[in-house]
PDB file of N, CA and C in Angstrom:
ATOM      1  N   UNK A   1     104.225  90.995  83.863  1.00  0.00           N
ATOM      2  CA  UNK A   1     103.832  89.853  84.675  1.00  0.00           C
ATOM      3  C   UNK A   1     102.382  90.077  85.111  1.00  0.00           C
ATOM      4  N   UNK A   2     101.573  89.063  84.928  1.00  0.00           N
ATOM      5  CA  UNK A   2     100.167  89.162  85.297  1.00  0.00           C
ATOM      6  C   UNK A   2      99.995  89.067  86.816  1.00  0.00           C
ATOM      7  N   UNK A   3      98.825  89.450  87.285  1.00  0.00           N
ATOM      8  CA  UNK A   3      98.516  89.351  88.718  1.00  0.00           C
ATOM      9  C   UNK A   3      98.610  87.908  89.182  1.00  0.00           C
ATOM     10  N   UNK A   4      98.118  86.992  88.378  1.00  0.00           N
ATOM     11  CA  UNK A   4      98.169  85.569  88.736  1.00  0.00           C
ATOM     12  C   UNK A   4      99.616  85.100  88.882  1.00  0.00           C
ATOM     13  N   UNK A   5     100.479  85.530  87.983  1.00  0.00           N
ATOM     14  CA  UNK A   5     101.898  85.154  88.053  1.00  0.00           C
ATOM     15  C   UNK A   5     102.577  85.754  89.281  1.00  0.00           C
ATOM     16  N   UNK A   6     102.213  86.997  89.614  1.00  0.00           N
ATOM     17  CA  UNK A   6     102.788  87.635  90.812  1.00  0.00           C
ATOM     18  C   UNK A   6     102.367  86.904  92.076  1.00  0.00           C
ATOM     19  N   UNK A   7     101.101  86.517  92.140  1.00  0.00           N
ATOM     20  CA  UNK A   7     100.608  85.782  93.315  1.00  0.00           C
ATOM     21  C   UNK A   7     101.330  84.449  93.429  1.00  0.00           C
ATOM     22  N   UNK A   8     101.481  83.732  92.322  1.00  0.00           N
ATOM     23  CA  UNK A   8     102.179  82.446  92.327  1.00  0.00           C
ATOM     24  C   UNK A   8     103.627  82.624  92.782  1.00  0.00           C
ATOM     25  N   UNK A   9     104.300  83.651  92.284  1.00  0.00           N
ATOM     26  CA  UNK A   9     105.689  83.907  92.680  1.00  0.00           C
ATOM     27  C   UNK A   9     105.772  84.227  94.166  1.00  0.00           C
ATOM     28  N   UNK A  10     104.826  84.987  94.679  1.00  0.00           N
ATOM     29  CA  UNK A  10     104.807  85.326  96.102  1.00  0.00           C
ATOM     30  C   UNK A  10     104.669  84.075  96.949  1.00  0.00           C
ATOM     31  N   UNK A  11     103.781  83.182  96.561  1.00  0.00           N
ATOM     32  CA  UNK A  11     103.578  81.924  97.299  1.00  0.00           C
ATOM     33  C   UNK A  11     104.834  81.063  97.241  1.00  0.00           C
ATOM     34  N   UNK A  12     105.437  80.954  96.069  1.00  0.00           N
ATOM     35  CA  UNK A  12     106.659  80.153  95.923  1.00  0.00           C
ATOM     36  C   UNK A  12     107.796  80.689  96.785  1.00  0.00           C
ATOM     37  N   UNK A  13     108.024  81.991  96.705  1.00  0.00           N
ATOM     38  CA  UNK A  13     109.147  82.553  97.463  1.00  0.00           C
ATOM     39  C   UNK A  13     108.877  82.574  98.967  1.00  0.00           C
ATOM     40  N   UNK A  14     107.627  82.711  99.358  1.00  0.00           N
ATOM     41  CA  UNK A  14     107.305  82.584 100.788  1.00  0.00           C
ATOM     42  C   UNK A  14     107.653  81.171 101.262  1.00  0.00           C
ATOM     43  N   UNK A  15     107.297  80.187 100.468  1.00  0.00           N
ATOM     44  CA  UNK A  15     107.589  78.793 100.835  1.00  0.00           C
ATOM     45  C   UNK A  15     109.090  78.559 100.965  1.00  0.00           C
ATOM     46  N   UNK A  16     109.879  79.256 100.176  1.00  0.00           N
ATOM     47  CA  UNK A  16     111.335  79.089 100.193  1.00  0.00           C
ATOM     48  C   UNK A  16     112.029  79.966 101.242  1.00  0.00           C
ATOM     49  N   UNK A  17     111.258  80.780 101.947  1.00  0.00           N
ATOM     50  CA  UNK A  17     111.865  81.776 102.843  1.00  0.00           C
ATOM     51  C   UNK A  17     112.104  81.274 104.261  1.00  0.00           C
ATOM     52  N   UNK A  18     112.026  79.987 104.472  1.00  0.00           N
ATOM     53  CA  UNK A  18     112.190  79.434 105.817  1.00  0.00           C
ATOM     54  C   UNK A  18     113.235  78.318 105.792  1.00  0.00           C
ATOM     55  N   UNK A  19     114.124  78.349 106.761  1.00  0.00           N
ATOM     56  CA  UNK A  19     115.213  77.374 106.816  1.00  0.00           C
ATOM     57  C   UNK A  19     114.705  75.936 106.946  1.00  0.00           C
ATOM     58  N   UNK A  20     113.662  75.732 107.733  1.00  0.00           N
ATOM     59  CA  UNK A  20     113.106  74.382 107.893  1.00  0.00           C
ATOM     60  C   UNK A  20     112.551  73.865 106.577  1.00  0.00           C
ATOM     61  N   UNK A  21     111.855  74.728 105.844  1.00  0.00           N
ATOM     62  CA  UNK A  21     111.295  74.290 104.561  1.00  0.00           C
ATOM     63  C   UNK A  21     112.390  74.011 103.537  1.00  0.00           C
ATOM     64  N   UNK A  22     113.452  74.799 103.568  1.00  0.00           N
ATOM     65  CA  UNK A  22     114.581  74.513 102.675  1.00  0.00           C
ATOM     66  C   UNK A  22     115.227  73.179 103.027  1.00  0.00           C
ATOM     67  N   UNK A  23     115.321  72.881 104.309  1.00  0.00           N
ATOM     68  CA  UNK A  23     115.881  71.591 104.734  1.00  0.00           C
ATOM     69  C   UNK A  23     114.971  70.443 104.291  1.00  0.00           C
ATOM     70  N   UNK A  24     113.667  70.643 104.369  1.00  0.00           N
ATOM     71  CA  UNK A  24     112.737  69.607 103.889  1.00  0.00           C
ATOM     72  C   UNK A  24     112.951  69.346 102.400  1.00  0.00           C
ATOM     73  N   UNK A  25     113.055  70.399 101.607  1.00  0.00           N
ATOM     74  CA  UNK A  25     113.291  70.220 100.173  1.00  0.00           C
ATOM     75  C   UNK A  25     114.604  69.500  99.931  1.00  0.00           C
ATOM     76  N   UNK A  26     115.610  69.856 100.691  1.00  0.00           N
ATOM     77  CA  UNK A  26     116.911  69.205 100.561  1.00  0.00           C
ATOM     78  C   UNK A  26     116.803  67.708 100.874  1.00  0.00           C
ATOM     79  N   UNK A  27     116.075  67.359 101.904  1.00  0.00           N
ATOM     80  CA  UNK A  27     115.886  65.940 102.268  1.00  0.00           C
ATOM     81  C   UNK A  27     115.117  65.200 101.182  1.00  0.00           C
ATOM     82  N   UNK A  28     114.127  65.878 100.587  1.00  0.00           N
ATOM     83  CA  UNK A  28     113.301  65.217  99.581  1.00  0.00           C
ATOM     84  C   UNK A  28     114.024  65.047  98.246  1.00  0.00           C
ATOM     85  N   UNK A  29     115.170  65.705  98.090  1.00  0.00           N
ATOM     86  CA  UNK A  29     115.996  65.461  96.894  1.00  0.00           C
ATOM     87  C   UNK A  29     116.435  64.004  96.848  1.00  0.00           C
ATOM     88  N   UNK A  30     116.522  63.366  98.004  1.00  0.00           N
ATOM     89  CA  UNK A  30     116.953  61.977  98.091  1.00  0.00           C
ATOM     90  C   UNK A  30     115.844  61.005  97.693  1.00  0.00           C
ATOM     91  N   UNK A  31     114.623  61.527  97.529  1.00  0.00           N
ATOM     92  CA  UNK A  31     113.493  60.691  97.144  1.00  0.00           C
ATOM     93  C   UNK A  31     112.361  60.802  98.144  1.00  0.00           C
ATOM     94  N   UNK A  32     111.296  60.100  97.847  1.00  0.00           N
ATOM     95  CA  UNK A  32     110.098  60.119  98.682  1.00  0.00           C
ATOM     96  C   UNK A  32     110.422  59.690 100.109  1.00  0.00           C
ATOM     97  N   UNK A  33     109.810  60.397 101.073  1.00  0.00           N
ATOM     98  CA  UNK A  33     110.036  60.065 102.472  1.00  0.00           C
ATOM     99  C   UNK A  33     108.735  60.163 103.260  1.00  0.00           C
ATOM    100  N   UNK A  34     108.642  59.299 104.228  1.00  0.00           N
ATOM    101  CA  UNK A  34     107.501  59.266 105.135  1.00  0.00           C
ATOM    102  C   UNK A  34     107.614  60.437 106.108  1.00  0.00           C
ATOM    103  N   UNK A  35     106.480  60.930 106.565  1.00  0.00           N
ATOM    104  CA  UNK A  35     106.497  62.033 107.527  1.00  0.00           C
ATOM    105  C   UNK A  35     107.265  61.638 108.787  1.00  0.00           C
ATOM    106  N   UNK A  36     107.220  60.370 109.161  1.00  0.00           N
ATOM    107  CA  UNK A  36     107.965  59.926 110.351  1.00  0.00           C
ATOM    108  C   UNK A  36     109.471  60.041 110.128  1.00  0.00           C
ATOM    109  N   UNK A  37     109.941  59.752 108.919  1.00  0.00           N
ATOM    110  CA  UNK A  37     111.367  59.896 108.602  1.00  0.00           C
ATOM    111  C   UNK A  37     111.792  61.362 108.653  1.00  0.00           C
ATOM    112  N   UNK A  38     110.933  62.226 108.135  1.00  0.00           N
ATOM    113  CA  UNK A  38     111.244  63.654 108.129  1.00  0.00           C
ATOM    114  C   UNK A  38     111.239  64.227 109.542  1.00  0.00           C
ATOM    115  N   UNK A  39     110.306  63.770 110.364  1.00  0.00           N
ATOM    116  CA  UNK A  39     110.238  64.215 111.757  1.00  0.00           C
ATOM    117  C   UNK A  39     111.526  63.848 112.483  1.00  0.00           C
ATOM    118  N   UNK A  40     111.979  62.620 112.297  1.00  0.00           N
ATOM    119  CA  UNK A  40     113.226  62.171 112.935  1.00  0.00           C
ATOM    120  C   UNK A  40     114.435  62.946 112.401  1.00  0.00           C
ATOM    121  N   UNK A  41     114.498  63.113 111.095  1.00  0.00           N
ATOM    122  CA  UNK A  41     115.652  63.766 110.476  1.00  0.00           C
ATOM    123  C   UNK A  41     115.778  65.229 110.909  1.00  0.00           C
ATOM    124  N   UNK A  42     114.651  65.914 111.026  1.00  0.00           N
ATOM    125  CA  UNK A  42     114.694  67.328 111.395  1.00  0.00           C
ATOM    126  C   UNK A  42     114.583  67.541 112.903  1.00  0.00           C
ATOM    127  N   UNK A  43     114.369  66.476 113.629  1.00  0.00           N
ATOM    128  CA  UNK A  43     114.235  66.524 115.084  1.00  0.00           C
ATOM    129  C   UNK A  43     113.238  67.609 115.508  1.00  0.00           C
ATOM    130  N   UNK A  44     112.050  67.489 114.958  1.00  0.00           N
ATOM    131  CA  UNK A  44     110.999  68.458 115.258  1.00  0.00           C
ATOM    132  C   UNK A  44     109.682  67.723 115.474  1.00  0.00           C
ATOM    133  N   UNK A  45     108.740  68.415 116.071  1.00  0.00           N
ATOM    134  CA  UNK A  45     107.433  67.826 116.323  1.00  0.00           C
ATOM    135  C   UNK A  45     106.624  67.682 115.052  1.00  0.00           C
ATOM    136  N   UNK A  46     105.701  66.736 115.064  1.00  0.00           N
ATOM    137  CA  UNK A  46     104.914  66.469 113.864  1.00  0.00           C
ATOM    138  C   UNK A  46     104.011  67.646 113.504  1.00  0.00           C
ATOM    139  N   UNK A  47     103.470  68.360 114.488  1.00  0.00           N
ATOM    140  CA  UNK A  47     102.585  69.489 114.173  1.00  0.00           C
ATOM    141  C   UNK A  47     103.357  70.612 113.487  1.00  0.00           C
ATOM    142  N   UNK A  48     104.570  70.901 113.963  1.00  0.00           N
ATOM    143  CA  UNK A  48     105.409  71.932 113.331  1.00  0.00           C
ATOM    144  C   UNK A  48     105.801  71.500 111.923  1.00  0.00           C
ATOM    145  N   UNK A  49     106.171  70.240 111.789  1.00  0.00           N
ATOM    146  CA  UNK A  49     106.553  69.718 110.485  1.00  0.00           C
ATOM    147  C   UNK A  49     105.371  69.755 109.517  1.00  0.00           C
ATOM    148  N   UNK A  50     104.194  69.392 110.003  1.00  0.00           N
ATOM    149  CA  UNK A  50     102.998  69.405 109.158  1.00  0.00           C
ATOM    150  C   UNK A  50     102.704  70.800 108.625  1.00  0.00           C
ATOM    151  N   UNK A  51     102.915  71.814 109.459  1.00  0.00           N
ATOM    152  CA  UNK A  51     102.722  73.197 109.014  1.00  0.00           C
ATOM    153  C   UNK A  51     103.646  73.503 107.832  1.00  0.00           C
ATOM    154  N   UNK A  52     104.922  73.188 107.973  1.00  0.00           N
ATOM    155  CA  UNK A  52     105.888  73.478 106.915  1.00  0.00           C
ATOM    156  C   UNK A  52     105.607  72.655 105.648  1.00  0.00           C
ATOM    157  N   UNK A  53     105.211  71.414 105.817  1.00  0.00           N
ATOM    158  CA  UNK A  53     104.862  70.587 104.662  1.00  0.00           C
ATOM    159  C   UNK A  53     103.645  71.157 103.942  1.00  0.00           C
ATOM    160  N   UNK A  54     102.678  71.667 104.699  1.00  0.00           N
ATOM    161  CA  UNK A  54     101.487  72.262 104.087  1.00  0.00           C
ATOM    162  C   UNK A  54     101.864  73.489 103.258  1.00  0.00           C
ATOM    163  N   UNK A  55     102.752  74.337 103.768  1.00  0.00           N
ATOM    164  CA  UNK A  55     103.190  75.526 103.030  1.00  0.00           C
ATOM    165  C   UNK A  55     103.857  75.117 101.714  1.00  0.00           C
ATOM    166  N   UNK A  56     104.733  74.121 101.782  1.00  0.00           N
ATOM    167  CA  UNK A  56     105.406  73.639 100.564  1.00  0.00           C
ATOM    168  C   UNK A  56     104.423  73.017  99.582  1.00  0.00           C
ATOM    169  N   UNK A  57     103.448  72.291 100.102  1.00  0.00           N
ATOM    170  CA  UNK A  57     102.455  71.659  99.232  1.00  0.00           C
ATOM    171  C   UNK A  57     101.567  72.709  98.573  1.00  0.00           C
ATOM    172  N   UNK A  58     101.125  73.708  99.340  1.00  0.00           N
ATOM    173  CA  UNK A  58     100.289  74.769  98.779  1.00  0.00           C
ATOM    174  C   UNK A  58     101.031  75.572  97.711  1.00  0.00           C
ATOM    175  N   UNK A  59     102.355  75.658  97.844  1.00  0.00           N
ATOM    176  CA  UNK A  59     103.171  76.341  96.835  1.00  0.00           C
ATOM    177  C   UNK A  59     103.396  75.458  95.609  1.00  0.00           C
ATOM    178  N   UNK A  60     103.025  74.186  95.715  1.00  0.00           N
ATOM    179  CA  UNK A  60     103.191  73.270  94.593  1.00  0.00           C
ATOM    180  C   UNK A  60     104.578  72.672  94.486  1.00  0.00           C
ATOM    181  N   UNK A  61     105.403  72.857  95.519  1.00  0.00           N
ATOM    182  CA  UNK A  61     106.782  72.367  95.460  1.00  0.00           C
ATOM    183  C   UNK A  61     106.913  70.900  95.850  1.00  0.00           C
ATOM    184  N   UNK A  62     105.953  70.397  96.621  1.00  0.00           N
ATOM    185  CA  UNK A  62     105.971  68.977  96.996  1.00  0.00           C
ATOM    186  C   UNK A  62     104.571  68.392  96.790  1.00  0.00           C
ATOM    187  N   UNK A  63     104.523  67.074  96.794  1.00  0.00           N
ATOM    188  CA  UNK A  63     103.237  66.360  96.731  1.00  0.00           C
ATOM    189  C   UNK A  63     103.226  65.325  97.840  1.00  0.00           C
ATOM    190  N   UNK A  64     102.048  64.880  98.173  1.00  0.00           N
ATOM    191  CA  UNK A  64     101.937  63.849  99.204  1.00  0.00           C
ATOM    192  C   UNK A  64     101.175  62.646  98.667  1.00  0.00           C
ATOM    193  N   UNK A  65     101.383  61.526  99.346  1.00  0.00           N
ATOM    194  CA  UNK A  65     100.736  60.270  98.961  1.00  0.00           C
ATOM    195  C   UNK A  65     100.464  59.477 100.233  1.00  0.00           C
ATOM    196  N   UNK A  66      99.179  59.215 100.510  1.00  0.00           N
ATOM    197  CA  UNK A  66      98.881  58.411 101.696  1.00  0.00           C
ATOM    198  C   UNK A  66      99.120  56.929 101.433  1.00  0.00           C
ATOM    199  N   UNK A  67      99.610  56.254 102.444  1.00  0.00           N
ATOM    200  CA  UNK A  67      99.752  54.795 102.388  1.00  0.00           C
ATOM    201  C   UNK A  67      99.518  54.267 103.795  1.00  0.00           C
ATOM    202  N   UNK A  68      98.417  53.571 103.956  1.00  0.00           N
ATOM    203  CA  UNK A  68      98.064  53.096 105.286  1.00  0.00           C
ATOM    204  C   UNK A  68      97.844  54.274 106.211  1.00  0.00           C
ATOM    205  N   UNK A  69      98.510  54.245 107.348  1.00  0.00           N
ATOM    206  CA  UNK A  69      98.352  55.360 108.286  1.00  0.00           C
ATOM    207  C   UNK A  69      99.433  56.419 108.138  1.00  0.00           C
ATOM    208  N   UNK A  70     100.290  56.297 107.132  1.00  0.00           N
ATOM    209  CA  UNK A  70     101.385  57.239 106.927  1.00  0.00           C
ATOM    210  C   UNK A  70     101.182  58.081 105.677  1.00  0.00           C
ATOM    211  N   UNK A  71     101.802  59.253 105.690  1.00  0.00           N
ATOM    212  CA  UNK A  71     101.793  60.135 104.526  1.00  0.00           C
ATOM    213  C   UNK A  71     103.227  60.228 104.023  1.00  0.00           C
ATOM    214  N   UNK A  72     103.389  60.066 102.729  1.00  0.00           N
ATOM    215  CA  UNK A  72     104.701  60.140 102.088  1.00  0.00           C
ATOM    216  C   UNK A  72     104.778  61.410 101.242  1.00  0.00           C
ATOM    217  N   UNK A  73     105.946  62.039 101.263  1.00  0.00           N
ATOM    218  CA  UNK A  73     106.150  63.295 100.551  1.00  0.00           C
ATOM    219  C   UNK A  73     107.283  63.160  99.547  1.00  0.00           C
ATOM    220  N   UNK A  74     107.135  63.891  98.431  1.00  0.00           N
ATOM    221  CA  UNK A  74     108.174  63.914  97.401  1.00  0.00           C
ATOM    222  C   UNK A  74     108.138  65.273  96.704  1.00  0.00           C
ATOM    223  N   UNK A  75     109.211  65.570  95.977  1.00  0.00           N
ATOM    224  CA  UNK A  75     109.262  66.811  95.212  1.00  0.00           C
ATOM    225  C   UNK A  75     108.244  66.753  94.085  1.00  0.00           C
ATOM    226  N   UNK A  76     107.701  67.899  93.734  1.00  0.00           N
ATOM    227  CA  UNK A  76     106.724  68.003  92.656  1.00  0.00           C
ATOM    228  C   UNK A  76     107.383  68.677  91.457  1.00  0.00           C
ATOM    229  N   UNK A  77     107.592  67.932  90.406  1.00  0.00           N
ATOM    230  CA  UNK A  77     108.272  68.417  89.197  1.00  0.00           C
ATOM    231  C   UNK A  77     107.614  69.678  88.648  1.00  0.00           C
ATOM    232  N   UNK A  78     106.286  69.709  88.582  1.00  0.00           N
ATOM    233  CA  UNK A  78     105.593  70.859  88.004  1.00  0.00           C
ATOM    234  C   UNK A  78     105.845  72.133  88.802  1.00  0.00           C
ATOM    235  N   UNK A  79     105.801  72.034  90.116  1.00  0.00           N
ATOM    236  CA  UNK A  79     106.050  73.202  90.959  1.00  0.00           C
ATOM    237  C   UNK A  79     107.466  73.723  90.814  1.00  0.00           C
ATOM    238  N   UNK A  80     108.400  72.813  90.709  1.00  0.00           N
ATOM    239  CA  UNK A  80     109.794  73.217  90.519  1.00  0.00           C
ATOM    240  C   UNK A  80     109.991  73.860  89.150  1.00  0.00           C
ATOM    241  N   UNK A  81     109.247  73.397  88.158  1.00  0.00           N
ATOM    242  CA  UNK A  81     109.322  74.010  86.828  1.00  0.00           C
ATOM    243  C   UNK A  81     108.738  75.416  86.851  1.00  0.00           C
ATOM    244  N   UNK A  82     107.658  75.633  87.627  1.00  0.00           N
ATOM    245  CA  UNK A  82     107.097  76.980  87.765  1.00  0.00           C
ATOM    246  C   UNK A  82     108.140  77.931  88.343  1.00  0.00           C
ATOM    247  N   UNK A  83     108.853  77.461  89.354  1.00  0.00           N
ATOM    248  CA  UNK A  83     109.902  78.265  89.971  1.00  0.00           C
ATOM    249  C   UNK A  83     111.015  78.556  88.963  1.00  0.00           C
ATOM    250  N   UNK A  84     111.415  77.540  88.238  1.00  0.00           N
ATOM    251  CA  UNK A  84     112.459  77.697  87.229  1.00  0.00           C
ATOM    252  C   UNK A  84     112.031  78.686  86.142  1.00  0.00           C
ATOM    253  N   UNK A  85     110.763  78.618  85.723  1.00  0.00           N
ATOM    254  CA  UNK A  85     110.249  79.546  84.704  1.00  0.00           C
ATOM    255  C   UNK A  85     110.310  80.983  85.202  1.00  0.00           C
ATOM    256  N   UNK A  86     109.909  81.201  86.454  1.00  0.00           N
ATOM    257  CA  UNK A  86     109.915  82.554  87.005  1.00  0.00           C
ATOM    258  C   UNK A  86     111.335  83.113  87.063  1.00  0.00           C
ATOM    259  N   UNK A  87     112.257  82.324  87.578  1.00  0.00           N
ATOM    260  CA  UNK A  87     113.652  82.771  87.656  1.00  0.00           C
ATOM    261  C   UNK A  87     114.205  82.993  86.242  1.00  0.00           C
ATOM    262  N   UNK A  88     113.829  82.144  85.309  1.00  0.00           N
ATOM    263  CA  UNK A  88     114.250  82.314  83.921  1.00  0.00           C
ATOM    264  C   UNK A  88     113.763  83.626  83.327  1.00  0.00           C
ATOM    265  N   UNK A  89     112.540  84.019  83.657  1.00  0.00           N
ATOM    266  CA  UNK A  89     112.003  85.307  83.197  1.00  0.00           C
ATOM    267  C   UNK A  89     112.816  86.468  83.758  1.00  0.00           C
ATOM    268  N   UNK A  90     113.213  86.364  85.030  1.00  0.00           N
ATOM    269  CA  UNK A  90     114.034  87.414  85.630  1.00  0.00           C
ATOM    270  C   UNK A  90     115.394  87.501  84.943  1.00  0.00           C
ATOM    271  N   UNK A  91     115.991  86.340  84.684  1.00  0.00           N
ATOM    272  CA  UNK A  91     117.293  86.319  84.018  1.00  0.00           C
ATOM    273  C   UNK A  91     117.187  86.909  82.614  1.00  0.00           C
ATOM    274  N   UNK A  92     116.111  86.590  81.930  1.00  0.00           N
ATOM    275  CA  UNK A  92     115.890  87.115  80.583  1.00  0.00           C
ATOM    276  C   UNK A  92     115.746  88.642  80.636  1.00  0.00           C
ATOM    277  N   UNK A  93     115.038  89.141  81.638  1.00  0.00           N
ATOM    278  CA  UNK A  93     114.859  90.589  81.776  1.00  0.00           C
ATOM    279  C   UNK A  93     116.187  91.284  82.022  1.00  0.00           C
ATOM    280  N   UNK A  94     117.069  90.648  82.780  1.00  0.00           N
ATOM    281  CA  UNK A  94     118.388  91.235  83.046  1.00  0.00           C
ATOM    282  C   UNK A  94     119.177  91.357  81.739  1.00  0.00           C
ATOM    283  N   UNK A  95     119.117  90.320  80.933  1.00  0.00           N
ATOM    284  CA  UNK A  95     119.872  90.313  79.676  1.00  0.00           C
ATOM    285  C   UNK A  95     119.343  91.341  78.679  1.00  0.00           C
ATOM    286  N   UNK A  96     118.033  91.584  78.686  1.00  0.00           N
ATOM    287  CA  UNK A  96     117.434  92.433  77.664  1.00  0.00           C
ATOM    288  C   UNK A  96     117.212  93.870  78.114  1.00  0.00           C
ATOM    289  N   UNK A  97     117.333  94.141  79.398  1.00  0.00           N
ATOM    290  CA  UNK A  97     117.080  95.505  79.867  1.00  0.00           C
ATOM    291  C   UNK A  97     118.354  96.334  79.796  1.00  0.00           C
ATOM    292  N   UNK A  98     118.172  97.580  79.487  1.00  0.00           N
ATOM    293  CA  UNK A  98     119.299  98.506  79.456  1.00  0.00           C
ATOM    294  C   UNK A  98     119.277  99.366  80.706  1.00  0.00           C
ATOM    295  N   UNK A  99     120.186 100.299  80.760  1.00  0.00           N
ATOM    296  CA  UNK A  99     120.203 101.198  81.910  1.00  0.00           C
ATOM    297  C   UNK A  99     119.107 102.247  81.748  1.00  0.00           C
ATOM    298  N   UNK A 100     118.682 102.796  82.854  1.00  0.00           N
ATOM    299  CA  UNK A 100     117.641 103.811  82.847  1.00  0.00           C
ATOM    300  C   UNK A 100     118.211 105.120  82.312  1.00  0.00           C
ATOM    301  N   UNK A 101     117.555 105.671  81.325  1.00  0.00           N
ATOM    302  CA  UNK A 101     118.005 106.951  80.772  1.00  0.00           C
ATOM    303  C   UNK A 101     117.461 108.106  81.589  1.00  0.00           C
ATOM    304  N   UNK A 102     116.428 107.858  82.365  1.00  0.00           N
ATOM    305  CA  UNK A 102     115.802 108.899  83.160  1.00  0.00           C
ATOM    306  C   UNK A 102     116.765 109.463  84.204  1.00  0.00           C
ATOM    307  N   UNK A 103     117.629 108.638  84.745  1.00  0.00           N
ATOM    308  CA  UNK A 103     118.522 109.069  85.829  1.00  0.00           C
ATOM    309  C   UNK A 103     119.889 109.522  85.327  1.00  0.00           C
ATOM    310  N   UNK A 104     120.073 109.608  84.034  1.00  0.00           N
ATOM    311  CA  UNK A 104     121.389 109.993  83.519  1.00  0.00           C
ATOM    312  C   UNK A 104     121.469 111.477  83.264  1.00  0.00           C
TER     313      UNK A 104
END
C-alpha cells in the first residue's frame, strides 16, 4: 500500500469513527437532504453538525450543493467506492495470505 493510499484510508476511517457521522451517512442513504433537515433529525446545533459534515466531505464520503441560502448534502459514489476498494484489498489479502512460518 502506498503512502497516498494509507493517508486516504486514515481519513476515511477517521470519518467513520464517530457515531454522529455514521448517523449522518445513514440519513443520507434516504437521499439528498438540506442541512436544516439534518439538524432537526439529529437534534444538534448547526455548528456541531457543520463540523461533522466537513469531516465527511473532506473524506470524500459526501458532497454538498448550494441552493439559495441552504446547503444540500448527499452521498458521494466515488468516495464510497474508494472505501469499498480499500476493504476489498484487505479481504483479498486475507484470502491470499498464509500463516507466519516465523512463529512456528
